[in-house]
Amino acid sequence: MEPAGLFPPFPAACPPAQPAPAPAPPPRAAETTRIITDPLSGRSYCKGRLLGKGGFARCYEMTDLSSNKTYAVKVIPHSRVAKPHQREKITNEIELHRDLHHKHIVKFSHYFEDAESIYIFLEHCSRKSLAHIWKARHTLLEPEVRYYLKQIISGLKYLHLKGILHRDLKLGNFFINENMELKVGDFGLAACQDISDQKKKTICGTPNYLAPEVLLRQGHGPESDVWSLGCVMYTLLCGNPPFETSDLKETYRCIKQVEYTLPAFLSLPAKHLIAGILRRNPQDRFTLEEILDHEFFKVSGWEPGFGPSPGGMRLFGLSRVLSLEHMSQSFKGSSCCPAQMLGLTAWFAHLLSSPPADKNPASLARHEHFVWVSKWVDYSNKYGFGYQLSNRSIGVLFNNGTHMTLSPNHRTVHYNPTNSKHLVFSVAAIPEQLQGQMSVLRYFASYMEQHLMKVGAGPLECTGLTALLLLQWVKTDQALLMLFSSGTLQVNFYNDHTKVIISKPDHSCLVTYINRERNSYTYKLCSIQELGCSPELHHRLRYILKLLQERAEA
């Protein structure tokens, strides 16, 4: 359904909301290559590109000219550490870091100084840091977050067993090597516990990740690092730190009061784990062992052979397992998606080896909040993809990645500039910059109402629920696939207008099949696994699996 010329262009004064283009940086003079020589050993290093910078230092890529080995080198000018206490900080960092040897800790190699600077040679992590991945993707999927958290916790347990507090855990201090292995780094604020106990009034670290006891000048402990870990988990899943505001004092107030919200799209295990970590009293927080033993880490199925690329364009090489979350990056739509994993890996494997049954299992009553796509229009060559849900709400996923939904009563508009940011407006009070997109939404609604036939049973009341967000969609020569923020996957087959909807309203996965006569039937996945299903449904489920596998390997 691609109605050419259906809609007029956006009003000239009201273009679709999108980020303003970044101003072009001023031209920079080319930096000449510098050779740095260790005055004691005589080894020479070629100074390469700037990797990052901090308060005292800049970090450069440097290559040993004799071995061709590449390092990440922290360069601290003597002028920046002229005072005794500043020099002592650098000495403490070197002495502490050089004794650390662990798979998930950035490896310390050596250091030297010349007349200009101090040079600390560290393991080079070619895929930058989690901060770079987060900036490119904004949100990560739960399997990805599990993958990284396990490695952070492994490194953190090692530090705590050695009596060391990191005190500055944040995305920018988790580095990724070429094998997508995570390394905890930057020990500029790290301290031994017995030393830190004498500095109870010291507030150090990154504001958004500080624990309440640190702000209250009660000192750092292992529990403070655990708090920061919880903030990291939240940020990766939700797109922003839990206590982030536009005002630092307000951020600190929220931290002290443990005032934050958990988005509806998070799975129950993720919500429970975050809540167990972000507790005001340090003694009430989950320990690292309790975190690893939590239900969040016990989801069956996927363990990646390698992790996501920093650009986020290709998530994982899925040679071993499959889940809907892995597939989402192959769909059209936003390049990041917080969809909930449906845990279909084992069931799909069983389906492939099981022949069809004579009939389907007994059908269930529909879930009270179950909704599906009853109409759709693909106008992505100009504006985006529009759809109507069975509860009469209208949604559009625009080509610029933003999403707008009109409520069933047509009085409220939900606007998502990103998957993790949700704004609500009255239809009578739409901001001027969104009027263009609102016009397109109305056109989609009008066209679907006048020209498209609705399928399936009538709607159920869905009052008070958060608007469903279309995250991804893909069209093939036989079917349309749509993935929603609830974790629901809907597949519409063109030739006979049948539909398969895989959802997880509670704790069990459900399959809803809408047949040629537009009658809908819902089954538990576990029942299909145990009893089988009809050839008609079996054939469609096998096609869905085949399509998902093809998209994953593309």
Protein backbone atom coordinates (compact mmCIF):
# COMPACT_ATOMS: atom_id res chain seq x y z
CA MET A 1 0.00 0.00 0.00
CA GLU A 2 2.03 2.91 -1.29
CA PRO A 3 -0.34 5.72 -2.31
CA ALA A 4 1.75 7.89 -4.62
CA GLY A 5 0.94 11.54 -4.37
CA LEU A 6 -1.49 11.00 -1.52
CA PHE A 7 -0.17 13.65 0.80
CA PRO A 8 0.85 17.24 0.18
CA PRO A 9 4.36 18.24 1.25
CA PHE A 10 5.06 19.49 4.77
CA PRO A 11 4.06 23.12 5.25
CA ALA A 12 7.10 25.22 4.44
CA ALA A 13 7.03 26.92 7.81
CA CYS A 14 6.65 23.66 9.74
CA PRO A 15 9.32 21.12 8.71
CA PRO A 16 9.49 17.82 10.58
CA ALA A 17 11.25 18.06 13.93
CA GLN A 18 14.86 17.00 13.63
CA PRO A 19 18.20 17.91 15.21
CA ALA A 20 19.79 21.09 13.96
CA PRO A 21 22.95 20.40 11.92
CA ALA A 22 26.10 20.76 13.96
CA PRO A 23 28.18 23.81 13.05
CA ALA A 24 31.26 22.98 11.03
CA PRO A 25 34.40 22.97 13.18
CA PRO A 26 36.98 25.63 12.38
CA PRO A 27 39.83 24.40 10.17
CA ARG A 28 42.79 23.10 12.10
CA ALA A 29 46.38 23.15 11.06
CA ALA A 30 47.78 19.69 10.38
CA GLU A 31 49.74 18.46 13.36
CA THR A 32 53.23 17.32 12.44
CA THR A 33 54.31 13.82 13.47
CA ARG A 34 56.32 13.79 16.66
CA ILE A 35 58.84 11.24 17.83
CA ILE A 36 58.94 10.71 21.60
CA THR A 37 62.06 9.06 22.99
CA ASP A 38 62.50 7.39 26.36
CA PRO A 39 65.65 9.07 27.74
CA LEU A 40 66.61 5.95 29.74
CA SER A 41 65.94 3.07 27.31
CA GLY A 42 66.40 5.01 24.09
CA ARG A 43 63.22 3.50 22.59
CA SER A 44 61.38 5.84 20.25
CA TYR A 45 57.65 6.16 19.75
CA CYS A 46 55.66 7.80 16.96
CA LYS A 47 52.92 10.01 18.37
CA GLY A 48 49.61 9.46 16.59
CA ARG A 49 46.06 10.67 16.89
CA LEU A 50 44.43 12.10 20.00
CA LEU A 51 42.25 9.48 21.69
CA GLY A 52 40.82 11.58 24.52
CA LYS A 53 41.53 14.20 27.12
CA GLY A 54 40.86 14.79 30.80
CA GLY A 55 41.67 17.19 33.60
CA PHE A 56 45.45 16.77 33.70
CA ALA A 57 46.24 14.70 30.64
CA ARG A 58 45.65 13.94 27.00
CA CYS A 59 45.69 10.41 25.65
CA TYR A 60 47.38 9.66 22.33
CA GLU A 61 47.89 6.62 20.17
CA MET A 62 51.61 5.90 20.03
CA THR A 63 53.56 3.24 18.12
CA ASP A 64 56.85 1.71 19.24
CA LEU A 65 59.12 2.17 16.20
CA SER A 66 61.19 -0.92 17.03
CA SER A 67 58.32 -3.40 17.59
CA ASN A 68 55.44 -1.64 15.74
CA LYS A 69 53.28 -2.21 18.84
CA THR A 70 50.57 0.36 19.47
CA TYR A 71 49.77 1.83 22.90
CA ALA A 72 47.32 4.28 24.39
CA VAL A 73 49.59 6.79 26.09
CA LYS A 74 48.50 9.19 28.78
CA VAL A 75 50.57 12.37 28.40
CA ILE A 76 50.74 14.67 31.44
CA PRO A 77 52.70 17.93 30.94
CA HIS A 78 54.91 18.80 33.90
CA SER A 79 53.26 22.22 33.95
CA ARG A 80 49.93 20.58 34.87
CA VAL A 81 51.35 18.74 37.89
CA ALA A 82 53.74 21.36 39.23
CA LYS A 83 52.36 21.27 42.79
CA PRO A 84 53.45 18.45 45.13
CA HIS A 85 49.92 17.13 45.72
CA GLN A 86 49.28 17.03 41.96
CA ARG A 87 52.48 15.09 41.37
CA GLU A 88 51.51 12.74 44.20
CA LYS A 89 48.22 11.92 42.45
CA ILE A 90 50.07 10.81 39.32
CA THR A 91 52.54 8.77 41.35
CA ASN A 92 49.70 7.06 43.23
CA GLU A 93 47.90 6.26 39.97
CA ILE A 94 51.02 4.67 38.50
CA GLU A 95 51.84 2.67 41.63
CA LEU A 96 48.28 1.40 41.93
CA HIS A 97 47.70 0.58 38.26
CA ARG A 98 51.02 -1.15 37.58
CA ASP A 99 50.14 -3.92 40.07
CA LEU A 100 46.79 -4.75 38.45
CA HIS A 101 46.64 -7.83 36.21
CA HIS A 102 43.19 -8.97 35.10
CA LYS A 103 41.41 -9.78 31.85
CA HIS A 104 38.92 -6.94 32.31
CA ILE A 105 41.34 -4.27 33.56
CA VAL A 106 43.24 -2.07 31.09
CA LYS A 107 46.81 -3.37 31.11
CA PHE A 108 49.54 -1.06 32.42
CA SER A 109 52.74 -1.41 30.36
CA HIS A 110 55.36 1.12 31.49
CA TYR A 111 56.01 4.82 31.93
CA PHE A 112 58.78 7.38 31.61
CA GLU A 113 59.21 11.14 31.61
CA ASP A 114 61.25 13.63 29.64
CA ALA A 115 61.79 17.34 30.04
CA GLU A 116 58.24 18.14 28.89
CA SER A 117 55.87 15.44 30.13
CA ILE A 118 55.13 12.19 31.92
CA TYR A 119 54.10 9.31 29.61
CA ILE A 120 52.01 6.40 30.90
CA PHE A 121 51.80 3.52 28.38
CA LEU A 122 48.57 1.52 28.53
CA GLU A 123 46.86 -1.23 26.57
CA HIS A 124 45.37 0.18 23.38
CA CYS A 125 41.64 -0.55 23.02
CA SER A 126 40.90 -0.01 19.34
CA ARG A 127 37.09 0.12 19.63
CA LYS A 128 37.18 3.10 21.97
CA SER A 129 34.77 3.04 24.93
CA LEU A 130 31.19 2.33 25.98
CA ALA A 131 30.64 6.09 25.84
CA HIS A 132 31.26 6.03 22.08
CA ILE A 133 28.86 3.11 21.61
CA TRP A 134 26.24 4.84 23.76
CA LYS A 135 26.56 8.13 21.84
CA ALA A 136 26.10 6.29 18.54
CA ARG A 137 23.25 4.07 19.71
CA HIS A 138 21.71 6.00 22.64
CA THR A 139 20.19 2.79 24.03
CA LEU A 140 21.44 -0.77 24.07
CA LEU A 141 19.47 -3.99 24.16
CA GLU A 142 19.26 -6.05 27.34
CA PRO A 143 21.44 -8.90 26.00
CA GLU A 144 24.14 -6.36 25.13
CA VAL A 145 23.94 -4.76 28.57
CA ARG A 146 24.22 -8.20 30.19
CA TYR A 147 27.28 -8.90 28.04
CA TYR A 148 29.06 -5.73 29.17
CA LEU A 149 27.92 -5.76 32.81
CA LYS A 150 29.33 -9.25 33.38
CA GLN A 151 32.75 -8.01 32.29
CA ILE A 152 32.56 -4.82 34.35
CA ILE A 153 31.58 -6.83 37.43
CA SER A 154 34.43 -9.28 36.82
CA GLY A 155 36.95 -6.43 36.79
CA LEU A 156 35.29 -4.66 39.71
CA LYS A 157 35.29 -7.79 41.89
CA TYR A 158 39.03 -8.08 41.25
CA LEU A 159 39.60 -4.47 42.32
CA HIS A 160 37.52 -4.82 45.48
CA LEU A 161 39.28 -8.05 46.46
CA LYS A 162 42.54 -6.12 46.26
CA GLY A 163 41.05 -3.40 48.47
CA ILE A 164 40.84 -0.85 45.65
CA LEU A 165 37.91 1.50 44.99
CA HIS A 166 37.65 2.85 41.47
CA ARG A 167 35.52 5.89 42.45
CA ASP A 168 34.86 7.01 38.86
CA LEU A 169 32.93 4.26 37.11
CA LYS A 170 31.26 5.71 34.01
CA LEU A 171 30.78 4.86 30.34
CA GLY A 172 33.93 6.69 29.27
CA ASN A 173 36.10 4.55 31.54
CA PHE A 174 35.03 1.21 30.06
CA PHE A 175 37.23 0.54 27.05
CA ILE A 176 36.58 -1.99 24.27
CA ASN A 177 39.34 -3.88 22.45
CA GLU A 178 39.26 -5.31 18.93
CA ASN A 179 37.68 -8.55 20.23
CA MET A 180 34.86 -6.57 21.85
CA GLU A 181 36.20 -7.38 25.32
CA LEU A 182 35.59 -4.71 27.95
CA LYS A 183 38.39 -3.31 30.10
CA VAL A 184 37.94 -1.08 33.15
CA GLY A 185 40.39 1.82 32.98
CA ASP A 186 41.37 5.31 34.19
CA PHE A 187 42.54 4.94 37.77
CA GLY A 188 43.15 8.64 38.32
CA LEU A 189 40.63 8.77 41.19
CA ALA A 190 41.12 5.21 42.45
CA ALA A 191 42.25 4.65 46.04
CA CYS A 192 42.91 1.87 48.48
CA GLN A 193 40.08 1.47 50.98
CA ASP A 194 42.18 2.14 54.04
CA ILE A 195 43.43 5.39 52.52
CA SER A 196 40.02 6.51 51.31
CA ASP A 197 38.60 5.99 54.80
CA GLN A 198 40.79 8.88 55.96
CA LYS A 199 39.29 11.20 53.33
CA LYS A 200 35.63 11.03 54.20
CA LYS A 201 34.96 14.63 53.12
CA THR A 202 36.32 14.14 49.60
CA ILE A 203 33.72 14.32 46.85
CA CYS A 204 35.17 12.94 43.63
CA GLY A 205 33.75 11.26 40.57
CA THR A 206 31.31 12.16 37.81
CA PRO A 207 28.19 14.00 39.10
CA ASN A 208 25.54 11.78 37.44
CA TYR A 209 27.10 8.63 38.91
CA LEU A 210 27.82 9.78 42.48
CA ALA A 211 26.27 7.79 45.32
CA PRO A 212 24.20 9.51 48.06
CA GLU A 213 26.79 8.76 50.76
CA VAL A 214 29.49 10.44 48.68
CA LEU A 215 27.41 13.60 48.30
CA LEU A 216 26.71 13.51 52.05
CA ARG A 217 30.49 13.34 52.65
CA GLN A 218 30.26 9.96 54.33
CA GLY A 219 33.05 8.58 52.16
CA HIS A 220 33.45 6.03 49.39
CA GLY A 221 33.10 2.29 49.88
CA PRO A 222 32.67 -0.72 47.57
CA GLU A 223 28.93 0.01 47.71
CA SER A 224 29.58 3.41 46.08
CA ASP A 225 31.13 1.66 43.07
CA VAL A 226 28.09 -0.64 42.97
CA TRP A 227 25.80 2.42 42.89
CA SER A 228 27.75 3.79 39.92
CA LEU A 229 27.38 0.40 38.24
CA GLY A 230 23.59 0.70 38.62
CA CYS A 231 23.70 4.15 37.02
CA VAL A 232 25.72 2.72 34.14
CA MET A 233 23.18 -0.08 33.62
CA TYR A 234 20.28 2.39 33.64
CA THR A 235 22.03 4.73 31.20
CA LEU A 236 22.76 1.97 28.69
CA LEU A 237 19.20 0.63 28.79
CA CYS A 238 17.28 3.91 29.00
CA GLY A 239 19.45 6.39 27.12
CA ASN A 240 20.11 8.83 29.96
CA PRO A 241 21.56 8.65 33.50
CA PRO A 242 18.81 8.02 36.09
CA PHE A 243 19.24 11.30 37.97
CA GLU A 244 20.22 13.60 35.10
CA THR A 245 18.60 17.06 35.11
CA SER A 246 19.52 20.42 33.60
CA ASP A 247 20.56 21.72 37.02
CA LEU A 248 23.40 20.18 39.05
CA LYS A 249 21.79 21.03 42.40
CA GLU A 250 18.59 19.33 41.29
CA THR A 251 20.58 16.30 40.16
CA TYR A 252 22.23 16.07 43.58
CA ARG A 253 18.83 16.41 45.27
CA CYS A 254 17.43 13.57 43.16
CA ILE A 255 20.42 11.40 44.02
CA LYS A 256 20.09 12.05 47.75
CA GLN A 257 16.36 11.28 47.60
CA VAL A 258 16.88 8.38 45.14
CA GLU A 259 14.29 10.01 42.90
CA TYR A 260 14.16 8.50 39.42
CA THR A 261 11.74 6.69 37.09
CA LEU A 262 11.90 3.28 35.43
CA PRO A 263 10.64 3.32 31.81
CA ALA A 264 7.80 0.95 31.00
CA PHE A 265 9.75 -0.77 28.21
CA LEU A 266 12.26 -2.32 30.65
CA SER A 267 11.77 -5.98 31.49
CA LEU A 268 10.72 -6.84 35.04
CA PRO A 269 14.13 -8.41 35.87
CA ALA A 270 15.91 -5.25 34.66
CA LYS A 271 13.64 -3.02 36.74
CA HIS A 272 14.10 -5.19 39.83
CA LEU A 273 17.88 -5.27 39.48
CA ILE A 274 18.19 -1.50 39.03
CA ALA A 275 15.92 -0.92 42.04
CA GLY A 276 18.04 -3.31 44.11
CA ILE A 277 21.24 -1.44 43.25
CA LEU A 278 20.01 2.15 43.54
CA ARG A 279 19.14 2.08 47.23
CA ARG A 280 19.91 4.99 49.53
CA ASN A 281 21.48 2.93 52.33
CA PRO A 282 24.76 1.38 51.08
CA GLN A 283 24.22 -1.69 53.25
CA ASP A 284 20.86 -2.38 51.55
CA ARG A 285 22.30 -2.47 48.03
CA PHE A 286 22.87 -5.67 46.12
CA THR A 287 26.44 -6.90 46.30
CA LEU A 288 28.34 -7.81 43.14
CA GLU A 289 27.70 -11.49 43.87
CA GLU A 290 23.97 -10.84 44.30
CA ILE A 291 23.89 -8.89 41.06
CA LEU A 292 25.47 -11.75 39.10
CA ASP A 293 23.05 -14.19 40.71
CA HIS A 294 20.05 -12.04 39.78
CA GLU A 295 17.32 -13.20 37.39
CA PHE A 296 18.45 -10.54 34.89
CA PHE A 297 21.55 -12.61 34.18
CA LYS A 298 19.73 -15.94 33.99
CA VAL A 299 17.88 -15.33 30.71
CA SER A 300 18.38 -18.39 28.54
CA GLY A 301 19.70 -18.29 25.03
CA TRP A 302 22.14 -15.75 23.74
CA GLU A 303 25.79 -15.38 24.61
CA PRO A 304 27.45 -13.35 21.85
CA GLY A 305 30.50 -14.53 19.99
CA PHE A 306 31.40 -10.85 19.76
CA GLY A 307 29.64 -7.68 20.72
CA PRO A 308 28.21 -4.74 18.83
CA SER A 309 30.27 -2.42 16.69
CA PRO A 310 30.59 1.14 18.06
CA GLY A 311 28.56 2.50 15.13
CA GLY A 312 25.74 0.16 15.99
CA MET A 313 25.00 -0.64 12.36
CA ARG A 314 25.56 -4.36 12.80
CA LEU A 315 24.87 -5.82 16.19
CA PHE A 316 26.03 -9.40 16.29
CA GLY A 317 27.11 -12.25 14.07
CA LEU A 318 24.41 -14.69 15.09
CA SER A 319 25.95 -17.98 14.10
CA ARG A 320 24.76 -19.73 17.24
CA VAL A 321 21.51 -18.31 18.52
CA LEU A 322 18.66 -16.00 17.64
CA SER A 323 16.35 -13.65 19.46
CA LEU A 324 14.07 -10.86 18.32
CA GLU A 325 16.30 -8.25 19.87
CA HIS A 326 19.21 -9.20 17.65
CA MET A 327 17.02 -8.84 14.61
CA SER A 328 15.85 -5.33 15.35
CA GLN A 329 18.82 -3.56 13.76
CA SER A 330 18.00 -5.10 10.37
CA PHE A 331 14.58 -3.47 10.33
CA LYS A 332 13.74 -0.03 9.02
CA GLY A 333 13.22 2.56 11.71
CA SER A 334 15.38 3.93 14.51
CA SER A 335 18.90 2.54 14.73
CA CYS A 336 18.47 1.65 18.37
CA CYS A 337 15.72 -0.22 20.06
CA PRO A 338 14.87 -1.13 23.66
CA ALA A 339 12.62 -4.06 22.65
CA GLN A 340 12.21 -6.83 25.20
CA MET A 341 13.65 -10.22 24.34
CA LEU A 342 10.94 -12.83 23.96
CA GLY A 343 13.23 -15.79 24.70
CA LEU A 344 12.21 -17.72 21.59
CA THR A 345 15.54 -19.40 20.88
CA ALA A 346 14.80 -22.82 22.38
CA TRP A 347 11.23 -22.82 21.11
CA PHE A 348 12.28 -21.97 17.55
CA ALA A 349 14.88 -24.74 17.61
CA HIS A 350 12.16 -27.18 18.70
CA LEU A 351 9.84 -25.93 15.98
CA LEU A 352 12.39 -26.62 13.26
CA SER A 353 12.67 -30.26 14.28
CA SER A 354 8.97 -30.91 14.95
CA PRO A 355 6.47 -31.83 12.20
CA PRO A 356 3.07 -30.10 12.06
CA ALA A 357 0.24 -31.48 14.19
CA ASP A 358 -3.30 -32.22 13.06
CA LYS A 359 -4.68 -29.15 14.78
CA ASN A 360 -3.78 -26.21 16.99
CA PRO A 361 -3.91 -26.30 20.82
CA ALA A 362 -6.91 -24.88 22.64
CA SER A 363 -7.27 -21.15 22.07
CA LEU A 364 -7.04 -18.72 25.00
CA ALA A 365 -9.10 -15.67 25.77
CA ARG A 366 -7.41 -12.50 24.55
CA HIS A 367 -5.34 -10.54 27.06
CA GLU A 368 -7.19 -7.44 28.21
CA HIS A 369 -4.50 -5.06 26.95
CA PHE A 370 -3.62 -6.94 23.75
CA VAL A 371 -3.42 -4.70 20.69
CA TRP A 372 -2.19 -5.28 17.15
CA VAL A 373 -1.86 -3.41 13.87
CA SER A 374 -5.19 -3.42 12.03
CA LYS A 375 -4.23 -1.03 9.19
CA TRP A 376 -0.98 0.31 7.75
CA VAL A 377 0.39 2.59 5.03
CA ASP A 378 3.97 2.60 3.77
CA TYR A 379 4.83 6.08 2.55
CA SER A 380 8.49 5.90 3.52
CA ASN A 381 9.57 7.23 0.13
CA LYS A 382 8.45 10.63 1.41
CA TYR A 383 7.34 10.74 5.04
CA GLY A 384 7.38 7.45 6.93
CA PHE A 385 5.35 4.41 7.95
CA GLY A 386 1.83 4.84 9.33
CA TYR A 387 -0.38 2.35 11.12
CA GLN A 388 -3.59 2.02 13.11
CA LEU A 389 -3.82 -0.25 16.14
CA SER A 390 -6.84 -2.32 17.11
CA ASN A 391 -7.58 0.16 19.91
CA ARG A 392 -7.99 2.89 17.23
CA SER A 393 -4.78 4.77 18.07
CA ILE A 394 -2.80 6.02 15.05
CA GLY A 395 1.00 6.01 14.85
CA VAL A 396 3.67 7.19 12.42
CA LEU A 397 7.34 6.27 12.46
CA PHE A 398 8.88 9.14 10.47
CA ASN A 399 11.89 8.78 8.22
CA ASN A 400 13.95 10.94 10.59
CA GLY A 401 13.49 8.36 13.37
CA THR A 402 10.95 10.30 15.42
CA HIS A 403 7.60 8.75 16.32
CA MET A 404 4.15 10.29 16.86
CA THR A 405 0.99 8.60 18.12
CA LEU A 406 -2.58 9.91 18.25
CA SER A 407 -4.58 8.45 21.15
CA PRO A 408 -7.77 6.41 20.49
CA ASN A 409 -9.98 9.36 21.47
CA HIS A 410 -7.91 11.68 19.21
CA ARG A 411 -7.38 14.15 22.08
CA THR A 412 -3.76 13.40 23.00
CA VAL A 413 -0.54 13.15 21.00
CA HIS A 414 2.48 11.14 22.17
CA TYR A 415 5.77 12.28 20.63
CA ASN A 416 9.06 10.37 20.86
CA PRO A 417 12.09 12.28 19.52
CA THR A 418 14.08 9.17 20.54
CA ASN A 419 13.03 5.75 21.82
CA SER A 420 13.73 6.78 25.41
CA LYS A 421 12.22 10.28 25.37
CA HIS A 422 8.43 10.54 25.59
CA LEU A 423 6.48 13.81 25.38
CA VAL A 424 2.70 14.17 25.65
CA PHE A 425 0.64 17.06 24.26
CA SER A 426 -3.00 17.95 23.95
CA VAL A 427 -4.08 18.00 20.28
CA ALA A 428 -5.03 21.63 20.82
CA ALA A 429 -1.57 22.54 22.09
CA ILE A 430 0.91 20.97 19.65
CA PRO A 431 4.20 22.96 19.54
CA GLU A 432 4.71 24.89 16.33
CA GLN A 433 7.79 22.88 15.35
CA LEU A 434 5.71 19.68 15.42
CA GLN A 435 2.78 21.00 13.38
CA GLY A 436 4.23 19.62 10.13
CA GLN A 437 4.45 16.10 11.50
CA MET A 438 1.02 16.47 13.09
CA SER A 439 -0.40 17.30 9.64
CA VAL A 440 1.11 14.13 8.20
CA LEU A 441 -0.27 12.09 11.10
CA ARG A 442 -3.75 13.45 10.36
CA TYR A 443 -3.39 12.59 6.67
CA PHE A 444 -2.39 9.03 7.52
CA ALA A 445 -5.36 8.74 9.89
CA SER A 446 -7.78 10.11 7.29
CA TYR A 447 -6.51 7.84 4.52
CA MET A 448 -6.67 4.67 6.62
CA GLU A 449 -10.15 5.54 7.84
CA GLN A 450 -11.51 6.15 4.35
CA HIS A 451 -9.67 3.59 2.21
CA LEU A 452 -8.47 0.65 4.31
CA MET A 453 -10.48 -2.17 5.82
CA LYS A 454 -9.91 -3.15 9.43
CA VAL A 455 -9.26 -6.82 10.25
CA GLY A 456 -9.76 -9.02 13.30
CA ALA A 457 -12.03 -8.72 16.30
CA GLY A 458 -13.09 -5.43 17.80
CA PRO A 459 -10.84 -3.43 20.12
CA LEU A 460 -10.52 -3.89 23.85
CA GLU A 461 -10.39 -0.91 26.16
CA CYS A 462 -6.82 0.26 26.75
CA THR A 463 -7.36 3.28 28.92
CA GLY A 464 -4.46 4.69 30.87
CA LEU A 465 -1.80 2.68 29.04
CA THR A 466 1.46 4.06 27.65
CA ALA A 467 1.33 4.49 23.87
CA LEU A 468 2.87 1.62 21.91
CA LEU A 469 5.98 2.63 20.00
CA LEU A 470 6.82 1.12 16.61
CA LEU A 471 10.55 0.53 16.73
CA GLN A 472 11.37 -1.33 13.55
CA TRP A 473 9.69 -2.63 10.39
CA VAL A 474 10.72 -4.55 7.29
CA LYS A 475 8.92 -5.54 4.09
CA THR A 476 9.68 -8.62 1.99
CA ASP A 477 8.03 -9.95 -1.15
CA GLN A 478 5.67 -12.02 1.02
CA ALA A 479 5.19 -10.27 4.35
CA LEU A 480 5.51 -7.19 6.54
CA LEU A 481 7.24 -7.46 9.94
CA MET A 482 6.74 -4.89 12.70
CA LEU A 483 8.48 -4.78 16.09
CA PHE A 484 7.03 -2.71 18.96
CA SER A 485 8.33 -1.32 22.24
CA SER A 486 6.35 -3.91 24.19
CA GLY A 487 8.40 -6.65 22.54
CA THR A 488 5.48 -7.60 20.29
CA LEU A 489 6.35 -8.83 16.80
CA GLN A 490 3.59 -8.76 14.17
CA VAL A 491 3.90 -10.36 10.73
CA ASN A 492 1.30 -9.65 8.03
CA PHE A 493 1.22 -11.99 5.00
CA TYR A 494 0.17 -10.27 1.77
CA ASN A 495 -1.32 -13.08 -0.32
CA ASP A 496 -4.04 -14.25 2.09
CA HIS A 497 -4.06 -11.38 4.63
CA THR A 498 -3.28 -13.73 7.54
CA LYS A 499 -1.34 -12.40 10.51
CA VAL A 500 0.91 -13.85 13.21
CA ILE A 501 1.47 -11.82 16.38
CA ILE A 502 4.05 -12.95 18.94
CA SER A 503 3.72 -11.15 22.27
CA LYS A 504 4.65 -11.39 25.91
CA PRO A 505 1.97 -9.59 27.96
CA ASP A 506 2.99 -11.24 31.24
CA HIS A 507 5.51 -13.99 31.87
CA SER A 508 4.56 -16.36 29.05
CA CYS A 509 4.95 -15.89 25.31
CA LEU A 510 1.78 -15.97 23.23
CA VAL A 511 1.09 -16.53 19.53
CA THR A 512 -2.02 -14.95 18.04
CA TYR A 513 -3.08 -16.08 14.57
CA ILE A 514 -5.61 -14.12 12.50
CA ASN A 515 -6.79 -16.38 9.69
CA ARG A 516 -8.23 -15.74 6.22
CA GLU A 517 -11.71 -15.25 7.67
CA ARG A 518 -10.27 -12.56 10.00
CA ASN A 519 -10.93 -14.64 13.10
CA SER A 520 -8.23 -14.48 15.77
CA TYR A 521 -6.94 -17.31 17.98
CA THR A 522 -4.33 -17.06 20.73
CA TYR A 523 -2.08 -19.89 21.94
CA LYS A 524 0.67 -20.25 24.50
CA LEU A 525 4.07 -20.94 22.98
CA CYS A 526 4.64 -23.69 25.51
CA SER A 527 1.42 -25.38 24.36
CA ILE A 528 2.54 -25.28 20.73
CA GLN A 529 5.92 -26.65 21.77
CA GLU A 530 4.26 -29.52 23.62
CA LEU A 531 1.33 -30.30 21.31
CA GLY A 532 2.40 -28.86 17.97
CA CYS A 533 0.26 -26.71 15.67
CA SER A 534 -1.64 -26.99 12.41
CA PRO A 535 0.23 -27.04 9.07
CA GLU A 536 -1.25 -23.61 8.28
CA LEU A 537 0.28 -21.97 11.37
CA HIS A 538 3.40 -24.15 11.30
CA HIS A 539 4.23 -22.99 7.78
CA ARG A 540 3.96 -19.32 8.75
CA LEU A 541 6.03 -19.70 11.89
CA ARG A 542 8.77 -21.43 9.92
CA TYR A 543 8.72 -18.59 7.40
CA ILE A 544 9.08 -16.02 10.19
CA LEU A 545 12.05 -17.89 11.63
CA LYS A 546 13.68 -18.18 8.21
CA LEU A 547 13.19 -14.47 7.58
CA LEU A 548 14.62 -13.50 10.97
CA GLN A 549 17.67 -15.69 10.37
CA GLU A 550 18.23 -14.18 6.93
CA ARG A 551 17.98 -10.65 8.30
CA ALA A 552 20.38 -11.47 11.12
CA GLU A 553 22.99 -12.78 8.71
CA ALA A 554 22.56 -9.95 6.20
